[in-house]
Amino acid sequence: MADELRVDSGALIFATLADVYLSSGMIEEAISILKDGLARNPNYHLAKIILARAYCLKGDCDKAIETIEPIYDEVKSDESANLCLGHCYFKLGDNEKAKKYYEEALKINAENADAIKALEQLVPKPVLEPETAATEVELPDEPRREEVLQIDEISVVPPAAAPVMEEPEPGEETPEAVIQELPEKTAEVESVPLEALDKPAKRLLDLDTVKNVVISTRDGLLIKHYGKAEDDIESICASVAAICLDVDESFRMLKRGGLTRCIIEKSDETLCVMVVGDSLLTVTTKVETKPGLVFIYARKIIEEIEEILG
């Protein structure tokens, strides 16, 4: 079959590929792909919006605005375009324009979390004025001496004696013995049909540029391996898990969310790692393969694997 990972550089899929690179933090690679693709397809507005987002993430807000504003009338109904302009003007300190574009984004999608959060930062919360008058607290009247005397004369009732347990008749079982004899209810654990993983995994192996497909736990334990057998496959699983754990912890420390995918480049191959629920899907490819296209192709397969593993 034709290898779907070998795509003509002039095809419109370059925008989707660049978007995947952006989500993986590969900003410069995304910009390079977009500029090259737009040279062949100058009227492709979606690619321009993604390019503006890339400039914004890079910190070059002026270039981002210059990329979108000339085509804004044609893309003003696009949520990403408005959100990008809002972020750019917010970074440049123009809160009025930032507010305008965030509100436009919310008109398109009222549940856009980024726009909602940004508007909360732009609109200060009202400060409640402190109460001027102190609340008067009524104190109880001092009890009369007669009442105090009545209180002193209350008799104290001794605590009730503990109930006496009757000795069981000969041959009669105690309650404790009955409890101990009750059988414990064991939870039924449903086994995962790992054979169901064969079909989605082998669709990846049908591609000429894919060498191996490995499914493992986040702790690095091998679940399934497809492709050329390797003696150290378990060591590879452990190493990939350790790398993903370090990257994930770094992202969380930077408050940038959790890891969803990463690329591990070696001299002779590339490892494309994707988080699938509580597991990891590692696709080993040849060096010339574009990792972004692996992620695009594997999206549907990830859904199938996640459904199988639960």
C-alpha atoms as a PDB file:
ATOM      1  CA  MET A   1       0.000   0.000   0.000  1.00  0.00           C
ATOM      2  CA  ALA A   2       1.045   3.610  -0.459  1.00  0.00           C
ATOM      3  CA  ASP A   3       2.708   5.078   2.587  1.00  0.00           C
ATOM      4  CA  GLU A   4       0.395   7.734   3.977  1.00  0.00           C
ATOM      5  CA  LEU A   5       3.244   9.325   5.917  1.00  0.00           C
ATOM      6  CA  ARG A   6       5.007  10.356   2.728  1.00  0.00           C
ATOM      7  CA  VAL A   7       3.023  13.467   1.810  1.00  0.00           C
ATOM      8  CA  ASP A   8       3.774  15.979  -0.911  1.00  0.00           C
ATOM      9  CA  SER A   9       5.124  19.165   0.697  1.00  0.00           C
ATOM     10  CA  GLY A  10       2.701  21.190  -1.426  1.00  0.00           C
ATOM     11  CA  ALA A  11      -0.407  19.422  -0.120  1.00  0.00           C
ATOM     12  CA  LEU A  12      -2.798  21.341   2.117  1.00  0.00           C
ATOM     13  CA  ILE A  13      -2.140  18.902   4.954  1.00  0.00           C
ATOM     14  CA  PHE A  14       0.909  21.055   5.800  1.00  0.00           C
ATOM     15  CA  ALA A  15      -1.364  23.245   7.968  1.00  0.00           C
ATOM     16  CA  THR A  16      -2.540  20.265  10.046  1.00  0.00           C
ATOM     17  CA  LEU A  17       1.031  19.056  10.369  1.00  0.00           C
ATOM     18  CA  ALA A  18       2.138  22.488  11.585  1.00  0.00           C
ATOM     19  CA  ASP A  19      -0.719  22.547  14.097  1.00  0.00           C
ATOM     20  CA  VAL A  20       0.508  19.250  15.555  1.00  0.00           C
ATOM     21  CA  TYR A  21       4.039  20.638  15.772  1.00  0.00           C
ATOM     22  CA  LEU A  22       2.694  23.659  17.663  1.00  0.00           C
ATOM     23  CA  SER A  23       0.905  21.466  20.194  1.00  0.00           C
ATOM     24  CA  SER A  24       4.209  19.585  20.663  1.00  0.00           C
ATOM     25  CA  GLY A  25       6.103  22.826  21.344  1.00  0.00           C
ATOM     26  CA  MET A  26       8.012  22.769  18.022  1.00  0.00           C
ATOM     27  CA  ILE A  27       7.285  26.412  17.150  1.00  0.00           C
ATOM     28  CA  GLU A  28      10.156  27.084  14.735  1.00  0.00           C
ATOM     29  CA  GLU A  29       9.437  23.894  12.781  1.00  0.00           C
ATOM     30  CA  ALA A  30       5.756  24.881  12.523  1.00  0.00           C
ATOM     31  CA  ILE A  31       6.607  28.374  11.255  1.00  0.00           C
ATOM     32  CA  SER A  32       8.997  26.948   8.649  1.00  0.00           C
ATOM     33  CA  ILE A  33       6.381  24.476   7.342  1.00  0.00           C
ATOM     34  CA  LEU A  34       3.656  27.154   7.225  1.00  0.00           C
ATOM     35  CA  LYS A  35       5.766  29.720   5.398  1.00  0.00           C
ATOM     36  CA  ASP A  36       6.812  27.101   2.849  1.00  0.00           C
ATOM     37  CA  GLY A  37       3.226  25.913   2.386  1.00  0.00           C
ATOM     38  CA  LEU A  38       1.807  29.433   2.088  1.00  0.00           C
ATOM     39  CA  ALA A  39       4.333  30.208  -0.636  1.00  0.00           C
ATOM     40  CA  ARG A  40       2.520  27.537  -2.700  1.00  0.00           C
ATOM     41  CA  ASN A  41      -0.984  28.298  -1.348  1.00  0.00           C
ATOM     42  CA  PRO A  42      -1.085  32.054  -0.532  1.00  0.00           C
ATOM     43  CA  ASN A  43      -4.891  32.165  -0.114  1.00  0.00           C
ATOM     44  CA  TYR A  44      -5.103  29.376   2.464  1.00  0.00           C
ATOM     45  CA  HIS A  45      -6.514  31.363   5.412  1.00  0.00           C
ATOM     46  CA  LEU A  46      -6.463  28.490   7.918  1.00  0.00           C
ATOM     47  CA  ALA A  47      -2.693  28.240   7.493  1.00  0.00           C
ATOM     48  CA  LYS A  48      -2.374  31.992   8.109  1.00  0.00           C
ATOM     49  CA  ILE A  49      -4.334  31.705  11.361  1.00  0.00           C
ATOM     50  CA  ILE A  50      -2.074  28.868  12.531  1.00  0.00           C
ATOM     51  CA  LEU A  51       0.987  30.907  11.518  1.00  0.00           C
ATOM     52  CA  ALA A  52      -0.308  33.845  13.571  1.00  0.00           C
ATOM     53  CA  ARG A  53      -0.749  31.527  16.554  1.00  0.00           C
ATOM     54  CA  ALA A  54       2.837  30.336  16.093  1.00  0.00           C
ATOM     55  CA  TYR A  55       4.142  33.915  16.089  1.00  0.00           C
ATOM     56  CA  CYS A  56       2.055  34.668  19.194  1.00  0.00           C
ATOM     57  CA  LEU A  57       3.475  31.645  21.039  1.00  0.00           C
ATOM     58  CA  LYS A  58       6.955  32.727  19.995  1.00  0.00           C
ATOM     59  CA  GLY A  59       6.291  36.178  21.474  1.00  0.00           C
ATOM     60  CA  ASP A  60       6.274  38.084  18.168  1.00  0.00           C
ATOM     61  CA  CYS A  61       2.805  39.629  18.580  1.00  0.00           C
ATOM     62  CA  ASP A  62       3.315  42.288  15.895  1.00  0.00           C
ATOM     63  CA  LYS A  63       3.911  39.643  13.216  1.00  0.00           C
ATOM     64  CA  ALA A  64       0.913  37.681  14.445  1.00  0.00           C
ATOM     65  CA  ILE A  65      -1.350  40.726  14.106  1.00  0.00           C
ATOM     66  CA  GLU A  66       0.107  41.568  10.677  1.00  0.00           C
ATOM     67  CA  THR A  67      -0.721  38.012   9.545  1.00  0.00           C
ATOM     68  CA  ILE A  68      -4.390  38.007  10.597  1.00  0.00           C
ATOM     69  CA  GLU A  69      -5.635  41.601  10.324  1.00  0.00           C
ATOM     70  CA  PRO A  70      -5.467  41.799   6.479  1.00  0.00           C
ATOM     71  CA  ILE A  71      -7.807  38.783   6.239  1.00  0.00           C
ATOM     72  CA  TYR A  72      -9.845  39.430   9.394  1.00  0.00           C
ATOM     73  CA  ASP A  73     -13.070  40.323   7.544  1.00  0.00           C
ATOM     74  CA  GLU A  74     -12.960  36.887   5.921  1.00  0.00           C
ATOM     75  CA  VAL A  75     -12.073  34.932   9.100  1.00  0.00           C
ATOM     76  CA  LYS A  76     -13.879  36.938  11.799  1.00  0.00           C
ATOM     77  CA  SER A  77     -16.193  33.997  12.431  1.00  0.00           C
ATOM     78  CA  ASP A  78     -13.177  31.835  13.326  1.00  0.00           C
ATOM     79  CA  GLU A  79     -12.776  31.299  17.074  1.00  0.00           C
ATOM     80  CA  SER A  80      -8.995  30.776  16.894  1.00  0.00           C
ATOM     81  CA  ALA A  81      -8.420  33.989  14.936  1.00  0.00           C
ATOM     82  CA  ASN A  82     -10.230  36.115  17.536  1.00  0.00           C
ATOM     83  CA  LEU A  83      -8.553  34.339  20.430  1.00  0.00           C
ATOM     84  CA  CYS A  84      -5.116  34.841  18.864  1.00  0.00           C
ATOM     85  CA  LEU A  85      -5.702  38.573  18.348  1.00  0.00           C
ATOM     86  CA  GLY A  86      -6.997  38.844  21.918  1.00  0.00           C
ATOM     87  CA  HIS A  87      -3.842  37.222  23.284  1.00  0.00           C
ATOM     88  CA  CYS A  88      -1.598  39.442  21.148  1.00  0.00           C
ATOM     89  CA  TYR A  89      -3.215  42.724  22.181  1.00  0.00           C
ATOM     90  CA  PHE A  90      -3.295  41.560  25.799  1.00  0.00           C
ATOM     91  CA  LYS A  91       0.479  40.961  25.691  1.00  0.00           C
ATOM     92  CA  LEU A  92       0.984  44.360  24.049  1.00  0.00           C
ATOM     93  CA  GLY A  93      -1.004  46.072  26.817  1.00  0.00           C
ATOM     94  CA  ASP A  94      -3.965  47.177  24.656  1.00  0.00           C
ATOM     95  CA  ASN A  95      -6.692  45.865  26.951  1.00  0.00           C
ATOM     96  CA  GLU A  96      -9.584  47.473  25.041  1.00  0.00           C
ATOM     97  CA  LYS A  97      -8.764  45.652  21.809  1.00  0.00           C
ATOM     98  CA  ALA A  98      -7.966  42.461  23.697  1.00  0.00           C
ATOM     99  CA  LYS A  99     -11.388  42.609  25.385  1.00  0.00           C
ATOM    100  CA  LYS A 100     -13.087  43.161  22.015  1.00  0.00           C
ATOM    101  CA  TYR A 101     -11.555  40.050  20.427  1.00  0.00           C
ATOM    102  CA  TYR A 102     -12.077  37.862  23.506  1.00  0.00           C
ATOM    103  CA  GLU A 103     -15.753  38.811  23.467  1.00  0.00           C
ATOM    104  CA  GLU A 104     -15.936  37.977  19.752  1.00  0.00           C
ATOM    105  CA  ALA A 105     -14.456  34.551  20.495  1.00  0.00           C
ATOM    106  CA  LEU A 106     -17.103  33.988  23.182  1.00  0.00           C
ATOM    107  CA  LYS A 107     -19.871  34.907  20.743  1.00  0.00           C
ATOM    108  CA  ILE A 108     -18.696  32.001  18.600  1.00  0.00           C
ATOM    109  CA  ASN A 109     -18.134  29.636  21.549  1.00  0.00           C
ATOM    110  CA  ALA A 110     -19.565  30.733  24.885  1.00  0.00           C
ATOM    111  CA  GLU A 111     -17.559  28.007  26.672  1.00  0.00           C
ATOM    112  CA  ASN A 112     -14.096  29.042  25.447  1.00  0.00           C
ATOM    113  CA  ALA A 113     -12.133  28.660  28.700  1.00  0.00           C
ATOM    114  CA  ASP A 114      -9.133  30.734  27.512  1.00  0.00           C
ATOM    115  CA  ALA A 115     -11.309  33.723  26.597  1.00  0.00           C
ATOM    116  CA  ILE A 116     -13.280  33.498  29.850  1.00  0.00           C
ATOM    117  CA  LYS A 117     -10.117  33.380  31.945  1.00  0.00           C
ATOM    118  CA  ALA A 118      -8.544  36.270  30.028  1.00  0.00           C
ATOM    119  CA  LEU A 119     -11.625  38.470  30.452  1.00  0.00           C
ATOM    120  CA  GLU A 120     -11.612  37.791  34.200  1.00  0.00           C
ATOM    121  CA  GLN A 121      -8.082  39.212  34.310  1.00  0.00           C
ATOM    122  CA  LEU A 122      -9.099  42.251  32.267  1.00  0.00           C
ATOM    123  CA  VAL A 123     -12.227  43.103  34.278  1.00  0.00           C
ATOM    124  CA  PRO A 124     -11.327  43.726  37.948  1.00  0.00           C
ATOM    125  CA  LYS A 125     -13.645  42.277  40.558  1.00  0.00           C
ATOM    126  CA  PRO A 126     -15.632  44.845  42.631  1.00  0.00           C
ATOM    127  CA  VAL A 127     -14.175  45.560  46.074  1.00  0.00           C
ATOM    128  CA  LEU A 128     -16.694  45.229  48.879  1.00  0.00           C
ATOM    129  CA  GLU A 129     -16.723  48.202  51.284  1.00  0.00           C
ATOM    130  CA  PRO A 130     -16.245  47.307  54.942  1.00  0.00           C
ATOM    131  CA  GLU A 131     -19.282  47.680  57.165  1.00  0.00           C
ATOM    132  CA  THR A 132     -19.207  50.994  58.999  1.00  0.00           C
ATOM    133  CA  ALA A 133     -21.510  50.152  61.862  1.00  0.00           C
ATOM    134  CA  ALA A 134     -20.545  47.367  64.218  1.00  0.00           C
ATOM    135  CA  THR A 135     -23.227  44.790  64.882  1.00  0.00           C
ATOM    136  CA  GLU A 136     -24.526  44.998  68.421  1.00  0.00           C
ATOM    137  CA  VAL A 137     -24.503  41.699  70.270  1.00  0.00           C
ATOM    138  CA  GLU A 138     -27.086  41.251  73.020  1.00  0.00           C
ATOM    139  CA  LEU A 139     -25.586  39.718  76.145  1.00  0.00           C
ATOM    140  CA  PRO A 140     -27.790  37.457  78.284  1.00  0.00           C
ATOM    141  CA  ASP A 141     -29.004  38.846  81.564  1.00  0.00           C
ATOM    142  CA  GLU A 142     -27.063  37.819  84.633  1.00  0.00           C
ATOM    143  CA  PRO A 143     -28.914  34.939  86.317  1.00  0.00           C
ATOM    144  CA  ARG A 144     -30.587  35.667  89.642  1.00  0.00           C
ATOM    145  CA  ARG A 145     -29.177  34.059  92.774  1.00  0.00           C
ATOM    146  CA  GLU A 146     -32.242  31.861  93.098  1.00  0.00           C
ATOM    147  CA  GLU A 147     -31.566  30.389  89.635  1.00  0.00           C
ATOM    148  CA  VAL A 148     -27.930  29.717  90.549  1.00  0.00           C
ATOM    149  CA  LEU A 149     -29.014  27.891  93.680  1.00  0.00           C
ATOM    150  CA  GLN A 150     -31.428  25.761  91.704  1.00  0.00           C
ATOM    151  CA  ILE A 151     -28.652  24.795  89.337  1.00  0.00           C
ATOM    152  CA  ASP A 152     -26.367  23.834  92.230  1.00  0.00           C
ATOM    153  CA  GLU A 153     -29.011  21.545  93.693  1.00  0.00           C
ATOM    154  CA  ILE A 154     -29.352  19.360  90.556  1.00  0.00           C
ATOM    155  CA  SER A 155     -28.432  15.793  91.407  1.00  0.00           C
ATOM    156  CA  VAL A 156     -25.993  13.852  89.265  1.00  0.00           C
ATOM    157  CA  VAL A 157     -27.287  10.582  87.806  1.00  0.00           C
ATOM    158  CA  PRO A 158     -24.613   7.810  87.801  1.00  0.00           C
ATOM    159  CA  PRO A 159     -23.863   6.315  84.384  1.00  0.00           C
ATOM    160  CA  ALA A 160     -25.734   3.169  83.485  1.00  0.00           C
ATOM    161  CA  ALA A 161     -23.892  -0.046  84.023  1.00  0.00           C
ATOM    162  CA  ALA A 162     -22.580  -1.787  80.926  1.00  0.00           C
ATOM    163  CA  PRO A 163     -24.864  -4.601  79.713  1.00  0.00           C
ATOM    164  CA  VAL A 164     -23.790  -8.060  80.787  1.00  0.00           C
ATOM    165  CA  MET A 165     -23.216 -10.464  77.908  1.00  0.00           C
ATOM    166  CA  GLU A 166     -24.937 -13.787  78.537  1.00  0.00           C
ATOM    167  CA  GLU A 167     -22.793 -16.871  78.231  1.00  0.00           C
ATOM    168  CA  PRO A 168     -23.804 -18.943  75.164  1.00  0.00           C
ATOM    169  CA  GLU A 169     -25.370 -22.323  75.720  1.00  0.00           C
ATOM    170  CA  PRO A 170     -23.123 -25.348  75.068  1.00  0.00           C
ATOM    171  CA  GLY A 171     -22.879 -25.932  71.313  1.00  0.00           C
ATOM    172  CA  GLU A 172     -24.172 -22.430  70.500  1.00  0.00           C
ATOM    173  CA  GLU A 173     -21.904 -20.269  68.303  1.00  0.00           C
ATOM    174  CA  THR A 174     -20.886 -16.791  69.416  1.00  0.00           C
ATOM    175  CA  PRO A 175     -21.675 -13.777  67.148  1.00  0.00           C
ATOM    176  CA  GLU A 176     -17.937 -13.354  66.526  1.00  0.00           C
ATOM    177  CA  ALA A 177     -17.669 -16.908  65.238  1.00  0.00           C
ATOM    178  CA  VAL A 178     -20.615 -16.376  62.922  1.00  0.00           C
ATOM    179  CA  ILE A 179     -19.019 -13.213  61.500  1.00  0.00           C
ATOM    180  CA  GLN A 180     -15.700 -14.979  60.902  1.00  0.00           C
ATOM    181  CA  GLU A 181     -17.407 -17.755  58.990  1.00  0.00           C
ATOM    182  CA  LEU A 182     -19.077 -15.379  56.506  1.00  0.00           C
ATOM    183  CA  PRO A 183     -17.343 -15.761  53.116  1.00  0.00           C
ATOM    184  CA  GLU A 184     -15.693 -12.630  51.740  1.00  0.00           C
ATOM    185  CA  LYS A 185     -17.160 -11.338  48.482  1.00  0.00           C
ATOM    186  CA  THR A 186     -14.418 -11.284  45.876  1.00  0.00           C
ATOM    187  CA  ALA A 187     -14.528  -8.616  43.183  1.00  0.00           C
ATOM    188  CA  GLU A 188     -14.654  -9.972  39.671  1.00  0.00           C
ATOM    189  CA  VAL A 189     -11.862  -8.465  37.575  1.00  0.00           C
ATOM    190  CA  GLU A 190     -12.641  -8.307  33.905  1.00  0.00           C
ATOM    191  CA  SER A 191      -9.632  -9.300  31.826  1.00  0.00           C
ATOM    192  CA  VAL A 192      -8.638  -6.998  28.996  1.00  0.00           C
ATOM    193  CA  PRO A 193      -8.748  -8.766  25.598  1.00  0.00           C
ATOM    194  CA  LEU A 194      -5.264  -7.818  24.422  1.00  0.00           C
ATOM    195  CA  GLU A 195      -5.857  -9.557  21.088  1.00  0.00           C
ATOM    196  CA  ALA A 196      -8.223  -6.681  20.249  1.00  0.00           C
ATOM    197  CA  LEU A 197      -5.161  -4.408  20.110  1.00  0.00           C
ATOM    198  CA  ASP A 198      -3.756  -6.318  17.122  1.00  0.00           C
ATOM    199  CA  LYS A 199      -5.979  -4.742  14.483  1.00  0.00           C
ATOM    200  CA  PRO A 200      -5.349  -1.007  15.216  1.00  0.00           C
ATOM    201  CA  ALA A 201      -1.635  -1.578  15.897  1.00  0.00           C
ATOM    202  CA  LYS A 202      -1.068  -3.493  12.663  1.00  0.00           C
ATOM    203  CA  ARG A 203      -2.589  -0.648  10.657  1.00  0.00           C
ATOM    204  CA  LEU A 204       0.406   1.388  11.757  1.00  0.00           C
ATOM    205  CA  LEU A 205       2.796  -1.446  10.890  1.00  0.00           C
ATOM    206  CA  ASP A 206       1.413  -1.536   7.338  1.00  0.00           C
ATOM    207  CA  LEU A 207       3.171   1.782   6.714  1.00  0.00           C
ATOM    208  CA  ASP A 208       6.608   1.397   5.154  1.00  0.00           C
ATOM    209  CA  THR A 209       8.231   3.972   7.421  1.00  0.00           C
ATOM    210  CA  VAL A 210       7.023   2.397  10.700  1.00  0.00           C
ATOM    211  CA  LYS A 211       9.412  -0.114  12.269  1.00  0.00           C
ATOM    212  CA  ASN A 212       7.818  -0.992  15.618  1.00  0.00           C
ATOM    213  CA  VAL A 213       4.663  -0.343  17.640  1.00  0.00           C
ATOM    214  CA  VAL A 214       4.811  -0.755  21.423  1.00  0.00           C
ATOM    215  CA  ILE A 215       2.006  -0.385  23.964  1.00  0.00           C
ATOM    216  CA  SER A 216       3.158  -0.073  27.573  1.00  0.00           C
ATOM    217  CA  THR A 217       2.005   1.267  30.928  1.00  0.00           C
ATOM    218  CA  ARG A 218       3.033   4.700  32.153  1.00  0.00           C
ATOM    219  CA  ASP A 219       5.276   2.875  34.635  1.00  0.00           C
ATOM    220  CA  GLY A 220       7.199   1.265  31.775  1.00  0.00           C
ATOM    221  CA  LEU A 221       5.741  -2.265  31.806  1.00  0.00           C
ATOM    222  CA  LEU A 222       5.276  -3.867  28.390  1.00  0.00           C
ATOM    223  CA  ILE A 223       1.670  -4.619  27.376  1.00  0.00           C
ATOM    224  CA  LYS A 224       2.044  -5.510  23.681  1.00  0.00           C
ATOM    225  CA  HIS A 225       4.795  -5.303  21.072  1.00  0.00           C
ATOM    226  CA  TYR A 226       4.376  -5.413  17.298  1.00  0.00           C
ATOM    227  CA  GLY A 227       7.092  -5.460  14.668  1.00  0.00           C
ATOM    228  CA  LYS A 228      10.670  -6.614  14.693  1.00  0.00           C
ATOM    229  CA  ALA A 229      11.500  -8.425  17.937  1.00  0.00           C
ATOM    230  CA  GLU A 230      14.070  -6.685  20.106  1.00  0.00           C
ATOM    231  CA  ASP A 231      15.868  -8.240  23.076  1.00  0.00           C
ATOM    232  CA  ASP A 232      15.822  -5.006  25.045  1.00  0.00           C
ATOM    233  CA  ILE A 233      12.192  -4.027  24.351  1.00  0.00           C
ATOM    234  CA  GLU A 234      11.409  -3.977  28.091  1.00  0.00           C
ATOM    235  CA  SER A 235      14.348  -1.625  28.683  1.00  0.00           C
ATOM    236  CA  ILE A 236      13.030   0.644  25.919  1.00  0.00           C
ATOM    237  CA  CYS A 237       9.596   0.722  27.600  1.00  0.00           C
ATOM    238  CA  ALA A 238      11.168   1.669  30.934  1.00  0.00           C
ATOM    239  CA  SER A 239      13.323   4.394  29.330  1.00  0.00           C
ATOM    240  CA  VAL A 240      10.400   5.904  27.405  1.00  0.00           C
ATOM    241  CA  ALA A 241       8.267   5.932  30.567  1.00  0.00           C
ATOM    242  CA  ALA A 242      11.052   7.645  32.540  1.00  0.00           C
ATOM    243  CA  ILE A 243      11.485  10.329  29.864  1.00  0.00           C
ATOM    244  CA  CYS A 244       7.711  10.965  29.688  1.00  0.00           C
ATOM    245  CA  LEU A 245       7.482  11.167  33.478  1.00  0.00           C
ATOM    246  CA  ASP A 246      10.281  13.770  33.650  1.00  0.00           C
ATOM    247  CA  VAL A 247       8.722  15.869  30.862  1.00  0.00           C
ATOM    248  CA  ASP A 248       5.250  15.605  32.404  1.00  0.00           C
ATOM    249  CA  GLU A 249       6.511  16.757  35.820  1.00  0.00           C
ATOM    250  CA  SER A 250       8.365  19.671  34.202  1.00  0.00           C
ATOM    251  CA  PHE A 251       5.211  20.775  32.372  1.00  0.00           C
ATOM    252  CA  ARG A 252       3.200  20.663  35.600  1.00  0.00           C
ATOM    253  CA  MET A 253       5.824  22.702  37.457  1.00  0.00           C
ATOM    254  CA  LEU A 254       5.561  25.313  34.691  1.00  0.00           C
ATOM    255  CA  LYS A 255       1.734  25.098  34.942  1.00  0.00           C
ATOM    256  CA  ARG A 256       1.527  24.190  31.250  1.00  0.00           C
ATOM    257  CA  GLY A 257      -0.718  21.131  31.584  1.00  0.00           C
ATOM    258  CA  GLY A 258       0.193  17.477  31.242  1.00  0.00           C
ATOM    259  CA  LEU A 259       2.120  15.645  28.532  1.00  0.00           C
ATOM    260  CA  THR A 260       0.065  14.250  25.641  1.00  0.00           C
ATOM    261  CA  ARG A 261       2.806  13.364  23.143  1.00  0.00           C
ATOM    262  CA  CYS A 262       6.550  13.686  22.699  1.00  0.00           C
ATOM    263  CA  ILE A 263       9.242  12.997  20.097  1.00  0.00           C
ATOM    264  CA  ILE A 264      12.480  11.174  20.963  1.00  0.00           C
ATOM    265  CA  GLU A 265      15.007  11.498  18.137  1.00  0.00           C
ATOM    266  CA  LYS A 266      17.843   8.988  17.809  1.00  0.00           C
ATOM    267  CA  SER A 267      20.589   8.836  15.214  1.00  0.00           C
ATOM    268  CA  ASP A 268      19.005   5.929  13.320  1.00  0.00           C
ATOM    269  CA  GLU A 269      15.283   6.244  14.154  1.00  0.00           C
ATOM    270  CA  THR A 270      12.609   8.383  15.756  1.00  0.00           C
ATOM    271  CA  LEU A 271      10.278   7.432  18.617  1.00  0.00           C
ATOM    272  CA  CYS A 272       6.848   9.073  18.557  1.00  0.00           C
ATOM    273  CA  VAL A 273       5.256   8.624  21.983  1.00  0.00           C
ATOM    274  CA  MET A 274       1.548   9.251  22.648  1.00  0.00           C
ATOM    275  CA  VAL A 275      -0.331   9.113  25.959  1.00  0.00           C
ATOM    276  CA  VAL A 276      -3.355   6.796  25.703  1.00  0.00           C
ATOM    277  CA  GLY A 277      -5.252   6.987  29.003  1.00  0.00           C
ATOM    278  CA  ASP A 278      -3.034   5.229  31.560  1.00  0.00           C
ATOM    279  CA  SER A 279      -0.821   3.737  28.824  1.00  0.00           C
ATOM    280  CA  LEU A 280       1.806   4.846  26.311  1.00  0.00           C
ATOM    281  CA  LEU A 281       1.805   4.151  22.566  1.00  0.00           C
ATOM    282  CA  THR A 282       5.318   4.288  21.107  1.00  0.00           C
ATOM    283  CA  VAL A 283       5.720   4.213  17.328  1.00  0.00           C
ATOM    284  CA  THR A 284       9.300   3.724  16.090  1.00  0.00           C
ATOM    285  CA  THR A 285       9.839   5.156  12.598  1.00  0.00           C
ATOM    286  CA  LYS A 286      12.634   5.703  10.128  1.00  0.00           C
ATOM    287  CA  VAL A 287      14.584   8.945  10.394  1.00  0.00           C
ATOM    288  CA  GLU A 288      13.027  10.500   7.276  1.00  0.00           C
ATOM    289  CA  THR A 289       9.476  10.186   8.634  1.00  0.00           C
ATOM    290  CA  LYS A 290       7.766  13.377   9.799  1.00  0.00           C
ATOM    291  CA  PRO A 291       6.615  12.828  13.412  1.00  0.00           C
ATOM    292  CA  GLY A 292       3.699  15.236  12.990  1.00  0.00           C
ATOM    293  CA  LEU A 293       2.189  12.998  10.331  1.00  0.00           C
ATOM    294  CA  VAL A 294       2.538   9.996  12.640  1.00  0.00           C
ATOM    295  CA  PHE A 295       0.509  11.835  15.283  1.00  0.00           C
ATOM    296  CA  ILE A 296      -2.159  12.776  12.722  1.00  0.00           C
ATOM    297  CA  TYR A 297      -2.426   9.227  11.384  1.00  0.00           C
ATOM    298  CA  ALA A 298      -2.518   7.716  14.885  1.00  0.00           C
ATOM    299  CA  ARG A 299      -5.414   9.849  16.197  1.00  0.00           C
ATOM    300  CA  LYS A 300      -8.138   7.357  15.280  1.00  0.00           C
ATOM    301  CA  ILE A 301      -5.990   4.431  16.365  1.00  0.00           C
ATOM    302  CA  ILE A 302      -5.442   6.051  19.772  1.00  0.00           C
ATOM    303  CA  GLU A 303      -9.207   6.266  20.280  1.00  0.00           C
ATOM    304  CA  GLU A 304      -9.571   2.543  19.493  1.00  0.00           C
ATOM    305  CA  ILE A 305      -6.740   1.541  21.838  1.00  0.00           C
ATOM    306  CA  GLU A 306      -8.095   3.722  24.657  1.00  0.00           C
ATOM    307  CA  GLU A 307     -11.529   2.119  24.266  1.00  0.00           C
ATOM    308  CA  ILE A 308     -10.021  -1.377  24.415  1.00  0.00           C
ATOM    309  CA  LEU A 309      -7.809  -0.715  27.455  1.00  0.00           C
ATOM    310  CA  GLY A 310     -10.527   1.315  29.201  1.00  0.00           C
END
